[in-house]
Amino acid sequence: MLMAMLYGEKDLRLERGEDPVVGPGQVKIRFGAGGICGSDLSYYGKGRIGDFSLMQPLCLGHEVSGEVDEVGAGVTRVKKGDRVAINPNQPCRVCRTCMAGKGHICLAMNFYGSAALFPHIQGIFREVIVATEAQCFVVPQSCDFRTAAMAEPLAVALHAVRRAGSLVGKRVLVTGVGPIGSLLVLAAKRAGAAHIAVTDVADAALKRAEKLGVDEAVNAVTAPEKVETWYANKGTFDVSFECSGNATAIGSAIMATASGGCVVQVGMLGMPTAEIAVNRFVSREVDLLGAFRFDAEYGAAVYELASEQIDVSSLLTHSYKMSAANDAFLMAADRSQSMKVHLTF
């Protein structure tokens, strides 16, 4: 099989490998589509994401769908020919966080395409994938492979919304409207938000966000005075989702969030630490929450996409064959042209 392996910064190589063997309880899937995530771009461009650094060649990718090619002994829920979205999460289910119902922050998590552990957990930018039956979620044959692959980033957005609590009738701010921020807009609308404002530093991203039906779209660099109006009277928004991973945006989100509200940090910073005005959120009791990956929200995301309750079609901007993986990564890094780039075979 063909697979895309990252050896270092901007050193992505296409290699041939042996097809994996299917064991009991496992499913062999022919790759349908795989989305390039911000973490994939970080590994590609910097050799790291957050606190996780590349220490050996890594097959990237974790947003994936495909067609079932073979099932192992004991598999009953999926069959050959089914179209499936594949949950990249593989929590142990026995550590203390798993036992507390928080499998997404499992102490021994296996997550496709991640350098969090060594040896690294290899990803899904490969022709053939073997997953457990529990990871496979059947979607209708009419569901496009690229749409099904969006279940993973949508699950991230749904988990962030869950962390924030009810959004019904709330005023919501989203800072950074790349793919995750844009999906958070769609998830917040679905969750009943009454007013959604977004900020970014790229006009192209803001124009796409406007098409999603946001109430305000502001360039934080060219219109800082507008952002600053949100700081008045101890904040404007009930809930803010910070998706850019920019330290300045974190501080801005805290200032723009009203007393008693919350800021959900979704974006991973490019540095280990960031300076924030702690007294500003302490004195106003603004909750600062982290949101990392997802657990049960993956199944919910598959449902929202398969039932067309959430429409992500406007975010699917580019598709490349695996043989052009390097070109795909360059396009995914160009925010003036792309939103979500997928690899296919």
Protein backbone atom coordinates (compact mmCIF):
# COMPACT_ATOMS: atom_id res chain seq x y z
CA MET A 1 0.00 0.00 0.00
CA LEU A 2 0.99 3.64 -0.51
CA MET A 3 1.39 5.87 2.55
CA ALA A 4 2.57 9.41 3.33
CA MET A 5 5.37 9.43 5.94
CA LEU A 6 6.81 12.55 7.57
CA TYR A 7 10.53 12.36 8.40
CA GLY A 8 11.02 15.94 9.56
CA GLU A 9 10.05 19.53 8.82
CA LYS A 10 8.60 19.62 5.26
CA ASP A 11 10.07 16.18 4.57
CA LEU A 12 6.97 14.22 3.55
CA ARG A 13 7.69 11.08 1.54
CA LEU A 14 5.41 8.65 -0.26
CA GLU A 15 6.38 5.09 0.53
CA ARG A 16 5.19 1.57 -0.16
CA GLY A 17 4.35 -0.71 2.75
CA GLU A 18 2.73 -4.06 3.40
CA ASP A 19 -1.05 -4.22 3.71
CA PRO A 20 -2.02 -4.76 7.36
CA VAL A 21 -3.56 -8.06 8.44
CA VAL A 22 -7.04 -8.08 9.96
CA GLY A 23 -7.39 -9.70 13.38
CA PRO A 24 -10.43 -10.65 15.48
CA GLY A 25 -12.70 -7.69 16.15
CA GLN A 26 -10.93 -5.61 13.51
CA VAL A 27 -11.99 -4.08 10.20
CA LYS A 28 -9.91 -3.43 7.07
CA ILE A 29 -10.92 -0.20 5.32
CA ARG A 30 -9.93 1.15 1.92
CA PHE A 31 -9.09 4.83 2.33
CA GLY A 32 -11.81 7.12 0.98
CA ALA A 33 -10.81 10.61 2.08
CA GLY A 34 -8.63 12.15 4.76
CA GLY A 35 -8.64 15.76 5.88
CA ILE A 36 -5.47 17.72 6.60
CA CYS A 37 -5.80 19.15 10.11
CA GLY A 38 -4.01 22.06 11.75
CA SER A 39 -2.02 19.58 13.81
CA ASP A 40 -0.90 17.81 10.61
CA LEU A 41 0.22 21.18 9.26
CA SER A 42 2.12 21.90 12.47
CA TYR A 43 3.92 18.56 12.31
CA TYR A 44 4.66 19.16 8.62
CA GLY A 45 5.89 22.73 9.03
CA LYS A 46 7.57 22.59 12.47
CA GLY A 47 8.00 18.93 13.33
CA ARG A 48 5.82 19.37 16.42
CA ILE A 49 2.39 20.34 17.73
CA GLY A 50 2.08 21.84 21.19
CA ASP A 51 4.19 19.69 23.52
CA PHE A 52 4.47 16.77 21.08
CA SER A 53 7.62 16.56 18.93
CA LEU A 54 8.46 14.22 16.05
CA MET A 55 10.98 11.60 17.21
CA GLN A 56 10.58 9.04 14.40
CA PRO A 57 8.93 8.89 10.95
CA LEU A 58 5.20 9.44 11.30
CA CYS A 59 2.30 8.68 9.00
CA LEU A 60 0.11 11.75 9.43
CA GLY A 61 -3.66 12.06 9.41
CA HIS A 62 -6.61 11.32 11.68
CA GLU A 63 -9.69 12.70 9.86
CA VAL A 64 -10.73 9.73 7.75
CA SER A 65 -13.47 7.80 6.03
CA GLY A 66 -13.42 4.82 3.74
CA GLU A 67 -15.06 1.62 2.54
CA VAL A 68 -14.97 -1.64 4.47
CA ASP A 69 -12.94 -4.21 2.56
CA GLU A 70 -12.77 -7.06 5.08
CA VAL A 71 -13.98 -7.83 8.59
CA GLY A 72 -12.32 -10.01 11.20
CA ALA A 73 -13.80 -12.73 13.35
CA GLY A 74 -16.53 -11.54 15.70
CA VAL A 75 -17.35 -8.35 13.79
CA THR A 76 -21.11 -7.99 13.40
CA ARG A 77 -21.91 -4.27 13.22
CA VAL A 78 -20.22 -3.51 9.89
CA LYS A 79 -19.84 -5.52 6.71
CA LYS A 80 -17.86 -5.49 3.47
CA GLY A 81 -18.94 -2.60 1.26
CA ASP A 82 -20.13 -0.35 4.09
CA ARG A 83 -19.05 3.28 3.97
CA VAL A 84 -17.65 4.31 7.35
CA ALA A 85 -16.22 7.24 9.26
CA ILE A 86 -13.37 6.13 11.53
CA ASN A 87 -12.94 7.48 15.05
CA PRO A 88 -9.17 8.04 15.57
CA ASN A 89 -9.56 7.88 19.37
CA GLN A 90 -8.51 4.60 21.01
CA PRO A 91 -8.69 5.18 24.79
CA CYS A 92 -7.72 2.38 27.14
CA ARG A 93 -11.04 2.58 29.09
CA VAL A 94 -9.34 1.42 32.30
CA CYS A 95 -7.19 4.37 33.50
CA ARG A 96 -8.53 6.83 36.07
CA THR A 97 -9.68 9.42 33.50
CA CYS A 98 -11.40 6.79 31.38
CA MET A 99 -13.10 5.37 34.46
CA ALA A 100 -14.28 8.89 35.27
CA GLY A 101 -16.00 9.04 31.86
CA LYS A 102 -13.34 11.20 30.21
CA GLY A 103 -11.92 8.86 27.60
CA HIS A 104 -10.80 11.76 25.42
CA ILE A 105 -8.04 12.56 27.94
CA CYS A 106 -7.09 8.92 28.52
CA LEU A 107 -3.68 8.56 30.16
CA ALA A 108 -2.70 5.95 27.57
CA MET A 109 -4.54 7.28 24.52
CA ASN A 110 -3.73 5.87 21.10
CA PHE A 111 -4.68 8.58 18.61
CA TYR A 112 -3.94 8.24 14.90
CA GLY A 113 -1.11 10.36 13.55
CA SER A 114 0.17 11.54 16.93
CA ALA A 115 3.66 11.97 18.39
CA ALA A 116 2.26 12.17 21.93
CA LEU A 117 3.64 8.69 22.68
CA PHE A 118 6.80 6.90 21.63
CA PRO A 119 6.74 4.83 19.52
CA HIS A 120 4.37 7.20 17.73
CA ILE A 121 0.82 6.21 16.83
CA GLN A 122 0.81 6.00 13.05
CA GLY A 123 -1.90 7.84 11.13
CA ILE A 124 -4.28 7.22 8.28
CA PHE A 125 -2.79 8.84 5.17
CA ARG A 126 -2.42 5.34 3.78
CA GLU A 127 -4.20 3.22 1.21
CA VAL A 128 -5.42 0.62 3.70
CA ILE A 129 -6.38 1.12 7.35
CA VAL A 130 -7.13 -1.45 10.04
CA ALA A 131 -9.37 -0.25 12.87
CA THR A 132 -11.41 -1.85 15.60
CA GLU A 133 -15.10 -2.41 15.01
CA ALA A 134 -15.87 0.14 17.74
CA GLN A 135 -14.04 2.84 15.77
CA CYS A 136 -16.21 2.38 12.67
CA PHE A 137 -19.42 4.40 12.19
CA VAL A 138 -21.53 3.49 9.17
CA VAL A 139 -22.79 6.37 7.02
CA PRO A 140 -25.18 6.22 4.04
CA GLN A 141 -23.70 5.42 0.65
CA SER A 142 -24.94 8.84 -0.41
CA CYS A 143 -22.65 10.52 2.13
CA ASP A 144 -19.55 11.80 0.36
CA PHE A 145 -16.25 10.44 1.71
CA ARG A 146 -14.99 13.99 2.36
CA THR A 147 -18.14 14.85 4.31
CA ALA A 148 -17.83 11.68 6.39
CA ALA A 149 -14.18 12.51 7.16
CA MET A 150 -15.36 15.81 8.65
CA ALA A 151 -16.84 13.89 11.59
CA GLU A 152 -13.53 14.19 13.46
CA PRO A 153 -13.14 18.00 13.37
CA LEU A 154 -16.87 18.45 13.93
CA ALA A 155 -16.59 16.23 17.02
CA VAL A 156 -13.89 18.62 18.31
CA ALA A 157 -16.35 21.51 17.89
CA LEU A 158 -19.20 19.60 19.54
CA HIS A 159 -16.98 18.74 22.51
CA ALA A 160 -16.02 22.42 22.92
CA VAL A 161 -19.72 23.36 22.90
CA ARG A 162 -20.38 20.68 25.50
CA ARG A 163 -17.64 22.13 27.70
CA ALA A 164 -19.31 25.56 27.52
CA GLY A 165 -22.73 24.30 28.54
CA SER A 166 -26.02 25.48 27.08
CA LEU A 167 -25.72 28.08 24.32
CA VAL A 168 -29.47 28.63 23.97
CA GLY A 169 -30.06 32.34 23.62
CA LYS A 170 -26.41 33.14 24.32
CA ARG A 171 -24.08 35.68 22.71
CA VAL A 172 -21.05 33.79 21.37
CA LEU A 173 -17.62 34.89 20.15
CA VAL A 174 -15.35 32.66 18.03
CA THR A 175 -11.76 33.84 17.62
CA GLY A 176 -10.08 32.24 14.62
CA VAL A 177 -12.30 30.88 11.86
CA GLY A 178 -10.20 28.23 10.25
CA PRO A 179 -11.83 24.80 9.90
CA ILE A 180 -12.39 24.26 13.65
CA GLY A 181 -13.60 27.81 14.25
CA SER A 182 -15.96 27.55 11.28
CA LEU A 183 -17.31 24.23 12.55
CA LEU A 184 -17.80 25.85 15.95
CA VAL A 185 -19.93 28.51 14.27
CA LEU A 186 -22.11 25.76 12.77
CA ALA A 187 -22.23 23.85 16.06
CA ALA A 188 -23.11 27.00 18.04
CA LYS A 189 -25.93 27.83 15.63
CA ARG A 190 -27.23 24.27 15.97
CA ALA A 191 -27.00 24.61 19.78
CA GLY A 192 -29.25 27.68 19.79
CA ALA A 193 -26.84 30.63 20.05
CA ALA A 194 -28.70 33.89 19.54
CA HIS A 195 -25.78 35.98 18.28
CA ILE A 196 -22.41 34.85 16.88
CA ALA A 197 -19.44 37.12 16.26
CA VAL A 198 -16.13 35.98 14.79
CA THR A 199 -12.65 37.43 14.53
CA ASP A 200 -9.68 36.50 12.41
CA VAL A 201 -6.69 38.17 10.76
CA ALA A 202 -7.46 36.81 7.27
CA ASP A 203 -10.17 38.48 5.21
CA ALA A 204 -10.72 35.32 3.15
CA ALA A 205 -11.58 33.35 6.28
CA LEU A 206 -13.93 36.09 7.46
CA LYS A 207 -15.76 36.14 4.13
CA ARG A 208 -16.31 32.39 4.36
CA ALA A 209 -17.57 32.81 7.91
CA GLU A 210 -20.08 35.41 6.76
CA LYS A 211 -21.54 32.82 4.40
CA LEU A 212 -22.13 30.56 7.42
CA GLY A 213 -24.54 33.14 8.78
CA VAL A 214 -22.55 34.87 11.52
CA ASP A 215 -23.85 38.18 12.87
CA GLU A 216 -20.48 39.95 12.99
CA ALA A 217 -17.15 39.23 11.27
CA VAL A 218 -14.24 41.41 12.34
CA ASN A 219 -10.60 41.55 11.26
CA ALA A 220 -8.77 41.89 14.59
CA VAL A 221 -5.76 43.55 12.93
CA THR A 222 -7.42 46.09 10.66
CA ALA A 223 -10.38 46.87 12.94
CA PRO A 224 -9.03 46.59 16.52
CA GLU A 225 -11.31 49.42 17.63
CA LYS A 226 -14.34 47.21 16.94
CA VAL A 227 -12.89 44.39 19.06
CA GLU A 228 -12.17 46.86 21.86
CA THR A 229 -15.82 47.93 22.00
CA TRP A 230 -16.59 44.41 23.22
CA TYR A 231 -14.48 45.04 26.32
CA ALA A 232 -16.80 47.78 27.61
CA ASN A 233 -19.05 47.25 30.63
CA LYS A 234 -17.00 44.24 31.71
CA GLY A 235 -17.47 42.26 28.53
CA THR A 236 -20.04 41.49 25.86
CA PHE A 237 -20.24 37.74 25.22
CA ASP A 238 -21.61 34.95 27.36
CA VAL A 239 -19.25 32.39 25.84
CA SER A 240 -16.07 32.75 23.80
CA PHE A 241 -14.36 29.96 21.88
CA GLU A 242 -10.68 30.70 21.22
CA CYS A 243 -9.66 28.66 18.17
CA SER A 244 -6.64 30.51 16.78
CA GLY A 245 -4.02 29.41 19.31
CA ASN A 246 -2.76 33.00 19.34
CA ALA A 247 -1.76 34.46 22.70
CA THR A 248 -3.15 37.90 21.82
CA ALA A 249 -6.49 36.35 20.87
CA ILE A 250 -6.67 34.55 24.23
CA GLY A 251 -6.32 37.85 26.09
CA SER A 252 -8.86 39.49 23.79
CA ALA A 253 -11.36 36.68 24.32
CA ILE A 254 -11.06 37.04 28.09
CA MET A 255 -11.62 40.79 27.89
CA ALA A 256 -14.61 40.40 25.55
CA THR A 257 -16.34 37.80 27.75
CA ALA A 258 -18.89 39.15 30.21
CA SER A 259 -18.67 38.67 33.96
CA GLY A 260 -19.77 35.17 34.89
CA GLY A 261 -19.20 33.88 31.35
CA CYS A 262 -16.62 31.42 30.07
CA VAL A 263 -13.78 31.18 27.58
CA VAL A 264 -13.18 27.77 26.03
CA GLN A 265 -9.63 27.39 24.75
CA VAL A 266 -9.71 25.10 21.71
CA GLY A 267 -6.67 26.20 19.71
CA MET A 268 -3.25 24.79 20.58
CA LEU A 269 -0.58 27.43 21.09
CA GLY A 270 2.65 27.35 19.12
CA MET A 271 4.59 27.97 22.33
CA PRO A 272 4.52 26.30 25.75
CA THR A 273 3.23 29.38 27.61
CA ALA A 274 1.33 32.61 27.03
CA GLU A 275 0.92 35.78 29.07
CA ILE A 276 -2.67 36.52 30.04
CA ALA A 277 -4.25 39.10 32.31
CA VAL A 278 -5.17 36.73 35.14
CA ASN A 279 -6.75 39.44 37.32
CA ARG A 280 -9.15 40.33 34.51
CA PHE A 281 -10.86 36.93 34.54
CA VAL A 282 -10.48 36.38 38.29
CA SER A 283 -12.24 39.62 39.26
CA ARG A 284 -15.09 38.98 36.82
CA GLU A 285 -15.30 35.22 37.49
CA VAL A 286 -14.80 34.33 33.86
CA ASP A 287 -14.21 30.57 33.63
CA LEU A 288 -11.22 29.58 31.50
CA LEU A 289 -11.77 26.04 30.18
CA GLY A 290 -9.69 23.75 27.99
CA ALA A 291 -11.27 21.58 25.31
CA PHE A 292 -9.21 18.72 23.90
CA ARG A 293 -10.41 16.28 21.26
CA PHE A 294 -13.69 14.42 21.98
CA ASP A 295 -15.19 11.11 23.02
CA ALA A 296 -18.90 10.35 22.63
CA GLU A 297 -19.23 13.46 20.49
CA TYR A 298 -17.78 11.54 17.53
CA GLY A 299 -20.95 9.50 17.11
CA ALA A 300 -23.01 12.66 17.44
CA ALA A 301 -20.91 14.33 14.73
CA VAL A 302 -21.45 11.39 12.38
CA TYR A 303 -25.20 11.67 12.96
CA GLU A 304 -25.24 15.43 12.34
CA LEU A 305 -23.42 14.98 9.03
CA ALA A 306 -25.19 11.84 7.82
CA SER A 307 -28.61 13.32 8.58
CA GLU A 308 -27.57 16.65 6.97
CA GLN A 309 -28.45 18.56 10.15
CA ILE A 310 -25.07 20.29 9.83
CA ASP A 311 -23.94 21.14 6.30
CA VAL A 312 -20.16 21.37 5.87
CA SER A 313 -20.11 21.45 2.06
CA SER A 314 -18.98 25.09 1.89
CA LEU A 315 -15.87 24.22 3.93
CA LEU A 316 -14.67 21.49 1.52
CA THR A 317 -12.47 23.63 -0.69
CA HIS A 318 -9.80 21.33 -2.18
CA SER A 319 -9.08 17.67 -2.87
CA TYR A 320 -5.76 16.12 -3.94
CA LYS A 321 -4.65 12.61 -4.81
CA MET A 322 -2.28 11.05 -2.27
CA SER A 323 0.47 11.17 -4.90
CA ALA A 324 0.30 14.99 -4.62
CA ALA A 325 0.37 15.06 -0.82
CA ASN A 326 3.07 17.74 -0.62
CA ASP A 327 1.04 20.03 -2.88
CA ALA A 328 -2.00 19.38 -0.69
CA PHE A 329 -0.11 20.44 2.44
CA LEU A 330 1.08 23.63 0.78
CA MET A 331 -2.49 24.45 -0.23
CA ALA A 332 -3.83 23.65 3.24
CA ALA A 333 -1.32 26.11 4.71
CA ASP A 334 -2.53 28.88 2.37
CA ARG A 335 -5.48 30.40 4.23
CA SER A 336 -6.13 32.86 1.40
CA GLN A 337 -7.22 29.98 -0.81
CA SER A 338 -8.23 26.99 1.28
CA MET A 339 -10.41 26.00 4.20
CA LYS A 340 -10.40 22.18 4.36
CA VAL A 341 -8.13 20.18 2.08
CA HIS A 342 -8.62 16.43 1.66
CA LEU A 343 -6.43 13.65 0.31
CA THR A 344 -7.97 10.86 -1.77
CA PHE A 345 -6.78 7.92 -3.88
